[in-house]
Amino acid sequence: MQYSTLSTSGDKPSPRDLLQVVYHLDTGLIYGFGGRTEDGKLSDEAFSLNPESGEFKKLRDLPRPLAEHVATVLGRKILLAYGLTYAQPGDQVVVNDRFIAYDVVDNTFE
């Protein structure tokens, strides 16, 4: 098997780890949510990547920063759950006990 590097363009997200990435079959896009940035902060950023064109697109921000969470596709929604977040913005990191649903059609969070 041979691997290659995908040439990308658009609104590229900053480097991060501990994010969650899922592929949505109906849209043909890869979606990324949250993570921990190079400066150690949790991120509320969301983005999509078109694997055919290599174009990144910034999406609406998450309602709260998330890292080490899980994600799954449910119809037109992507469900994000658990992981880590902040107790208050910029405060200590705590375990997240909420579920967040992202609608891939409307670009909204519930």
C-alpha atoms as a PDB file:
ATOM      1  CA  MET A   1       0.000   0.000   0.000  1.00  0.00           C
ATOM      2  CA  GLN A   2       1.260   3.432  -0.884  1.00  0.00           C
ATOM      3  CA  TYR A   3       0.292   6.595   0.958  1.00  0.00           C
ATOM      4  CA  SER A   4       0.311  10.072  -0.477  1.00  0.00           C
ATOM      5  CA  THR A   5      -0.116  13.579   0.898  1.00  0.00           C
ATOM      6  CA  LEU A   6      -3.371  15.354   0.078  1.00  0.00           C
ATOM      7  CA  SER A   7      -2.845  18.855  -1.252  1.00  0.00           C
ATOM      8  CA  THR A   8      -5.210  21.146   0.669  1.00  0.00           C
ATOM      9  CA  SER A   9      -6.564  24.681   0.409  1.00  0.00           C
ATOM     10  CA  GLY A  10      -9.121  26.925   2.092  1.00  0.00           C
ATOM     11  CA  ASP A  11      -9.549  27.657   5.806  1.00  0.00           C
ATOM     12  CA  LYS A  12      -7.057  25.134   7.183  1.00  0.00           C
ATOM     13  CA  PRO A  13      -7.431  24.494  10.929  1.00  0.00           C
ATOM     14  CA  SER A  14      -4.449  25.034  13.200  1.00  0.00           C
ATOM     15  CA  PRO A  15      -2.444  21.924  14.206  1.00  0.00           C
ATOM     16  CA  ARG A  16      -4.056  19.974  17.059  1.00  0.00           C
ATOM     17  CA  ASP A  17      -4.435  16.619  18.737  1.00  0.00           C
ATOM     18  CA  LEU A  18      -7.245  14.971  20.735  1.00  0.00           C
ATOM     19  CA  LEU A  19      -9.875  16.023  18.161  1.00  0.00           C
ATOM     20  CA  GLN A  20     -12.593  13.844  16.674  1.00  0.00           C
ATOM     21  CA  VAL A  21     -12.903  13.329  12.919  1.00  0.00           C
ATOM     22  CA  VAL A  22     -15.745  11.531  11.107  1.00  0.00           C
ATOM     23  CA  TYR A  23     -16.707  10.896   7.487  1.00  0.00           C
ATOM     24  CA  HIS A  24     -20.308  11.641   6.478  1.00  0.00           C
ATOM     25  CA  LEU A  25     -21.338   9.378   3.601  1.00  0.00           C
ATOM     26  CA  ASP A  26     -24.218  11.569   2.365  1.00  0.00           C
ATOM     27  CA  THR A  27     -22.183  14.783   2.103  1.00  0.00           C
ATOM     28  CA  GLY A  28     -18.914  13.090   1.124  1.00  0.00           C
ATOM     29  CA  LEU A  29     -17.098  15.347   3.610  1.00  0.00           C
ATOM     30  CA  ILE A  30     -14.779  14.697   6.538  1.00  0.00           C
ATOM     31  CA  TYR A  31     -15.743  16.707   9.645  1.00  0.00           C
ATOM     32  CA  GLY A  32     -13.397  17.662  12.490  1.00  0.00           C
ATOM     33  CA  PHE A  33     -14.405  18.968  15.916  1.00  0.00           C
ATOM     34  CA  GLY A  34     -12.468  20.534  18.789  1.00  0.00           C
ATOM     35  CA  GLY A  35      -9.163  19.141  20.015  1.00  0.00           C
ATOM     36  CA  ARG A  36      -6.174  20.567  21.847  1.00  0.00           C
ATOM     37  CA  THR A  37      -4.102  23.199  20.038  1.00  0.00           C
ATOM     38  CA  GLU A  38      -0.315  23.546  20.122  1.00  0.00           C
ATOM     39  CA  ASP A  39      -0.545  26.032  22.995  1.00  0.00           C
ATOM     40  CA  GLY A  40      -2.377  23.425  25.125  1.00  0.00           C
ATOM     41  CA  LYS A  41      -5.819  25.062  24.966  1.00  0.00           C
ATOM     42  CA  LEU A  42      -9.012  23.188  24.153  1.00  0.00           C
ATOM     43  CA  SER A  43     -10.604  24.250  20.881  1.00  0.00           C
ATOM     44  CA  ASP A  44     -14.203  25.034  19.945  1.00  0.00           C
ATOM     45  CA  GLU A  45     -13.425  25.031  16.215  1.00  0.00           C
ATOM     46  CA  ALA A  46     -15.232  22.844  13.705  1.00  0.00           C
ATOM     47  CA  PHE A  47     -14.270  22.295  10.078  1.00  0.00           C
ATOM     48  CA  SER A  48     -14.987  20.155   7.051  1.00  0.00           C
ATOM     49  CA  LEU A  49     -12.612  18.765   4.455  1.00  0.00           C
ATOM     50  CA  ASN A  50     -13.620  17.728   0.961  1.00  0.00           C
ATOM     51  CA  PRO A  51     -11.333  14.745   0.254  1.00  0.00           C
ATOM     52  CA  GLU A  52     -11.890  15.076  -3.509  1.00  0.00           C
ATOM     53  CA  SER A  53     -10.855  18.730  -3.838  1.00  0.00           C
ATOM     54  CA  GLY A  54      -8.716  19.050  -0.693  1.00  0.00           C
ATOM     55  CA  GLU A  55     -10.650  22.164   0.365  1.00  0.00           C
ATOM     56  CA  PHE A  56     -11.066  22.952   4.062  1.00  0.00           C
ATOM     57  CA  LYS A  57     -14.057  24.987   5.227  1.00  0.00           C
ATOM     58  CA  LYS A  58     -14.512  26.546   8.660  1.00  0.00           C
ATOM     59  CA  LEU A  59     -17.866  25.706  10.222  1.00  0.00           C
ATOM     60  CA  ARG A  60     -19.805  27.289  13.062  1.00  0.00           C
ATOM     61  CA  ASP A  61     -17.896  27.067  16.385  1.00  0.00           C
ATOM     62  CA  LEU A  62     -18.879  24.430  18.919  1.00  0.00           C
ATOM     63  CA  PRO A  63     -21.010  25.695  21.821  1.00  0.00           C
ATOM     64  CA  ARG A  64     -18.065  24.835  24.114  1.00  0.00           C
ATOM     65  CA  PRO A  65     -14.483  23.671  23.621  1.00  0.00           C
ATOM     66  CA  LEU A  66     -14.072  19.879  23.449  1.00  0.00           C
ATOM     67  CA  ALA A  67     -11.183  17.414  23.386  1.00  0.00           C
ATOM     68  CA  GLU A  68     -10.894  13.628  23.705  1.00  0.00           C
ATOM     69  CA  HIS A  69     -14.607  13.300  22.920  1.00  0.00           C
ATOM     70  CA  VAL A  70     -16.372  10.713  20.765  1.00  0.00           C
ATOM     71  CA  ALA A  71     -18.415  11.276  17.598  1.00  0.00           C
ATOM     72  CA  THR A  72     -20.799   9.275  15.456  1.00  0.00           C
ATOM     73  CA  VAL A  73     -22.994   9.984  12.437  1.00  0.00           C
ATOM     74  CA  LEU A  74     -26.779   9.761  12.889  1.00  0.00           C
ATOM     75  CA  GLY A  75     -28.540  10.638   9.625  1.00  0.00           C
ATOM     76  CA  ARG A  76     -27.904  14.302   8.870  1.00  0.00           C
ATOM     77  CA  LYS A  77     -26.433  14.884  12.347  1.00  0.00           C
ATOM     78  CA  ILE A  78     -23.090  14.185  13.950  1.00  0.00           C
ATOM     79  CA  LEU A  79     -23.358  13.458  17.667  1.00  0.00           C
ATOM     80  CA  LEU A  80     -20.470  14.570  19.904  1.00  0.00           C
ATOM     81  CA  ALA A  81     -20.300  13.287  23.467  1.00  0.00           C
ATOM     82  CA  TYR A  82     -18.201  13.274  26.629  1.00  0.00           C
ATOM     83  CA  GLY A  83     -14.491  14.101  26.552  1.00  0.00           C
ATOM     84  CA  LEU A  84     -13.008  17.185  28.185  1.00  0.00           C
ATOM     85  CA  THR A  85     -14.152  20.811  28.329  1.00  0.00           C
ATOM     86  CA  TYR A  86     -13.706  23.879  30.561  1.00  0.00           C
ATOM     87  CA  ALA A  87     -15.807  24.422  33.706  1.00  0.00           C
ATOM     88  CA  GLN A  88     -15.971  28.084  32.652  1.00  0.00           C
ATOM     89  CA  PRO A  89     -14.276  29.694  29.633  1.00  0.00           C
ATOM     90  CA  GLY A  90     -10.511  29.620  30.244  1.00  0.00           C
ATOM     91  CA  ASP A  91     -10.990  27.787  33.573  1.00  0.00           C
ATOM     92  CA  GLN A  92      -9.869  24.336  34.658  1.00  0.00           C
ATOM     93  CA  VAL A  93     -10.481  21.327  32.434  1.00  0.00           C
ATOM     94  CA  VAL A  94     -13.345  19.052  33.521  1.00  0.00           C
ATOM     95  CA  VAL A  95     -15.074  15.964  32.169  1.00  0.00           C
ATOM     96  CA  ASN A  96     -17.854  16.900  29.737  1.00  0.00           C
ATOM     97  CA  ASP A  97     -21.206  15.262  30.534  1.00  0.00           C
ATOM     98  CA  ARG A  98     -23.204  16.744  27.632  1.00  0.00           C
ATOM     99  CA  PHE A  99     -24.157  15.628  24.155  1.00  0.00           C
ATOM    100  CA  ILE A 100     -23.953  18.041  21.233  1.00  0.00           C
ATOM    101  CA  ALA A 101     -25.564  17.371  17.843  1.00  0.00           C
ATOM    102  CA  TYR A 102     -24.229  19.047  14.707  1.00  0.00           C
ATOM    103  CA  ASP A 103     -26.584  19.299  11.716  1.00  0.00           C
ATOM    104  CA  VAL A 104     -24.553  18.924   8.493  1.00  0.00           C
ATOM    105  CA  VAL A 105     -27.305  20.510   6.359  1.00  0.00           C
ATOM    106  CA  ASP A 106     -28.026  23.603   8.487  1.00  0.00           C
ATOM    107  CA  ASN A 107     -24.498  24.065   9.979  1.00  0.00           C
ATOM    108  CA  THR A 108     -26.029  24.350  13.464  1.00  0.00           C
ATOM    109  CA  PHE A 109     -25.471  22.775  16.870  1.00  0.00           C
ATOM    110  CA  GLU A 110     -28.156  21.580  19.297  1.00  0.00           C
END
